[in-house]
N, C-alpha and C. Protein backbone atom coordinates (compact mmCIF):
# COMPACT_ATOMS: atom_id res chain seq x y z
N MET A 1 13.18 41.97 19.76
CA MET A 1 12.00 42.80 19.71
C MET A 1 12.36 44.13 19.08
N LEU A 2 11.55 44.57 18.14
CA LEU A 2 11.73 45.86 17.46
C LEU A 2 10.68 46.83 17.97
N LEU A 3 11.01 48.11 17.95
CA LEU A 3 10.11 49.15 18.43
C LEU A 3 10.19 50.36 17.53
N ILE A 4 9.03 50.91 17.19
CA ILE A 4 8.95 52.18 16.46
C ILE A 4 8.19 53.16 17.34
N ILE A 5 8.75 54.36 17.50
CA ILE A 5 8.05 55.43 18.20
C ILE A 5 8.01 56.65 17.29
N LEU A 6 7.02 57.49 17.49
CA LEU A 6 6.85 58.68 16.67
C LEU A 6 6.84 59.92 17.55
N PRO A 7 7.83 60.79 17.44
CA PRO A 7 7.85 62.00 18.27
C PRO A 7 6.60 62.86 18.11
N GLU A 8 6.03 62.89 16.90
CA GLU A 8 4.83 63.70 16.66
C GLU A 8 3.61 63.12 17.36
N PHE A 9 3.59 61.79 17.54
CA PHE A 9 2.47 61.09 18.17
C PHE A 9 3.02 60.22 19.30
N PRO A 10 3.35 60.79 20.45
CA PRO A 10 4.00 60.02 21.51
C PRO A 10 3.19 58.81 21.98
N GLN A 11 1.88 58.85 21.81
CA GLN A 11 1.06 57.73 22.26
C GLN A 11 0.99 56.60 21.24
N CYS A 12 1.58 56.77 20.05
CA CYS A 12 1.58 55.73 19.02
C CYS A 12 2.92 55.01 19.02
N LEU A 13 2.85 53.69 19.03
CA LEU A 13 4.06 52.90 18.89
C LEU A 13 3.73 51.57 18.26
N GLY A 14 4.75 50.93 17.74
CA GLY A 14 4.59 49.61 17.16
C GLY A 14 5.71 48.71 17.65
N THR A 15 5.38 47.48 17.94
CA THR A 15 6.38 46.51 18.37
C THR A 15 6.19 45.22 17.59
N GLY A 16 7.25 44.45 17.50
CA GLY A 16 7.15 43.16 16.82
C GLY A 16 8.50 42.52 16.69
N THR A 17 8.50 41.37 16.07
CA THR A 17 9.75 40.62 15.91
C THR A 17 10.35 40.78 14.51
N THR A 18 9.57 41.34 13.57
CA THR A 18 10.08 41.61 12.23
C THR A 18 9.76 43.06 11.86
N ILE A 19 10.52 43.59 10.92
CA ILE A 19 10.28 44.96 10.46
C ILE A 19 8.88 45.06 9.86
N GLU A 20 8.47 44.06 9.10
CA GLU A 20 7.15 44.08 8.48
C GLU A 20 6.05 44.15 9.53
N GLU A 21 6.19 43.36 10.60
CA GLU A 21 5.19 43.36 11.67
C GLU A 21 5.11 44.71 12.37
N VAL A 22 6.26 45.31 12.64
CA VAL A 22 6.30 46.61 13.31
C VAL A 22 5.71 47.69 12.40
N GLU A 23 6.04 47.66 11.12
CA GLU A 23 5.50 48.64 10.19
C GLU A 23 3.98 48.53 10.10
N GLN A 24 3.46 47.32 10.06
CA GLN A 24 2.01 47.11 10.01
C GLN A 24 1.34 47.67 11.26
N GLN A 25 1.92 47.43 12.42
CA GLN A 25 1.34 47.92 13.66
C GLN A 25 1.38 49.44 13.74
N ILE A 26 2.48 50.05 13.34
CA ILE A 26 2.58 51.51 13.46
C ILE A 26 1.65 52.19 12.46
N LYS A 27 1.48 51.60 11.27
CA LYS A 27 0.53 52.17 10.31
C LYS A 27 -0.88 52.16 10.88
N ALA A 28 -1.27 51.06 11.50
CA ALA A 28 -2.60 50.97 12.10
C ALA A 28 -2.75 51.98 13.24
N ALA A 29 -1.70 52.16 14.03
CA ALA A 29 -1.74 53.11 15.14
C ALA A 29 -1.88 54.54 14.62
N ILE A 30 -1.18 54.86 13.54
CA ILE A 30 -1.25 56.20 12.96
C ILE A 30 -2.65 56.48 12.43
N VAL A 31 -3.21 55.53 11.68
CA VAL A 31 -4.57 55.70 11.14
C VAL A 31 -5.56 55.94 12.28
N PHE A 32 -5.48 55.14 13.33
CA PHE A 32 -6.37 55.28 14.46
C PHE A 32 -6.21 56.65 15.12
N HIS A 33 -4.97 57.06 15.33
CA HIS A 33 -4.69 58.34 16.00
C HIS A 33 -5.18 59.52 15.16
N LEU A 34 -4.93 59.49 13.84
CA LEU A 34 -5.38 60.57 12.97
C LEU A 34 -6.90 60.67 12.98
N GLU A 35 -7.58 59.55 12.99
CA GLU A 35 -9.04 59.57 13.05
C GLU A 35 -9.52 60.19 14.35
N GLU A 36 -8.86 59.88 15.45
CA GLU A 36 -9.21 60.48 16.75
C GLU A 36 -9.01 61.99 16.72
N LEU A 37 -7.90 62.44 16.11
CA LEU A 37 -7.64 63.88 16.01
C LEU A 37 -8.72 64.56 15.17
N ARG A 38 -9.09 63.95 14.05
CA ARG A 38 -10.12 64.53 13.19
C ARG A 38 -11.45 64.63 13.92
N GLN A 39 -11.84 63.56 14.62
CA GLN A 39 -13.12 63.55 15.32
C GLN A 39 -13.17 64.58 16.43
N SER A 40 -12.04 64.84 17.07
CA SER A 40 -12.03 65.80 18.17
C SER A 40 -11.81 67.24 17.68
N GLY A 41 -11.56 67.40 16.36
CA GLY A 41 -11.33 68.73 15.82
C GLY A 41 -9.93 69.25 16.05
N SER A 42 -9.04 68.40 16.50
CA SER A 42 -7.65 68.81 16.74
C SER A 42 -6.88 68.86 15.43
N SER A 43 -5.82 69.65 15.43
CA SER A 43 -4.99 69.74 14.23
C SER A 43 -3.99 68.58 14.19
N ILE A 44 -3.59 68.24 12.99
CA ILE A 44 -2.61 67.17 12.80
C ILE A 44 -1.24 67.83 12.79
N PRO A 45 -0.32 67.38 13.65
CA PRO A 45 0.99 68.03 13.73
C PRO A 45 1.83 67.82 12.46
N GLU A 46 2.67 68.79 12.19
CA GLU A 46 3.62 68.69 11.08
C GLU A 46 4.70 67.67 11.43
N ALA A 47 5.17 66.95 10.43
CA ALA A 47 6.27 66.00 10.63
C ALA A 47 7.54 66.79 10.99
N ARG A 48 8.26 66.29 11.98
CA ARG A 48 9.49 66.97 12.42
C ARG A 48 10.72 66.10 12.24
N THR A 49 10.53 64.84 11.93
CA THR A 49 11.67 63.93 11.89
C THR A 49 11.72 63.18 10.56
N LEU A 50 12.88 62.67 10.26
CA LEU A 50 13.08 61.84 9.08
C LEU A 50 14.06 60.75 9.47
N CYS A 51 13.74 59.54 9.07
CA CYS A 51 14.63 58.43 9.35
C CYS A 51 14.72 57.57 8.11
N LYS A 52 15.91 57.14 7.78
CA LYS A 52 16.12 56.27 6.62
C LYS A 52 17.05 55.14 7.01
N TYR A 53 16.86 54.02 6.35
CA TYR A 53 17.77 52.89 6.52
C TYR A 53 18.88 52.99 5.51
N VAL A 54 20.07 52.61 5.91
CA VAL A 54 21.22 52.59 5.03
C VAL A 54 21.82 51.20 5.09
N GLU A 55 21.90 50.54 3.96
CA GLU A 55 22.51 49.21 3.92
C GLU A 55 23.99 49.33 3.68
N VAL A 56 24.77 48.53 4.40
CA VAL A 56 26.23 48.49 4.20
C VAL A 56 26.68 47.08 3.98
């Protein structure tokens, strides 16, 4: 099981058995969360983290 969490959006996460599945879920969660922030008039937080994959 794979898991993605976002420090900027603690309530958003994605889980799945493949990287593609997890990425699809987290993208949908982000879109949903951003829409909720816009509708409520809340500000969108600045990105604070960066993560990259390194192949060896």
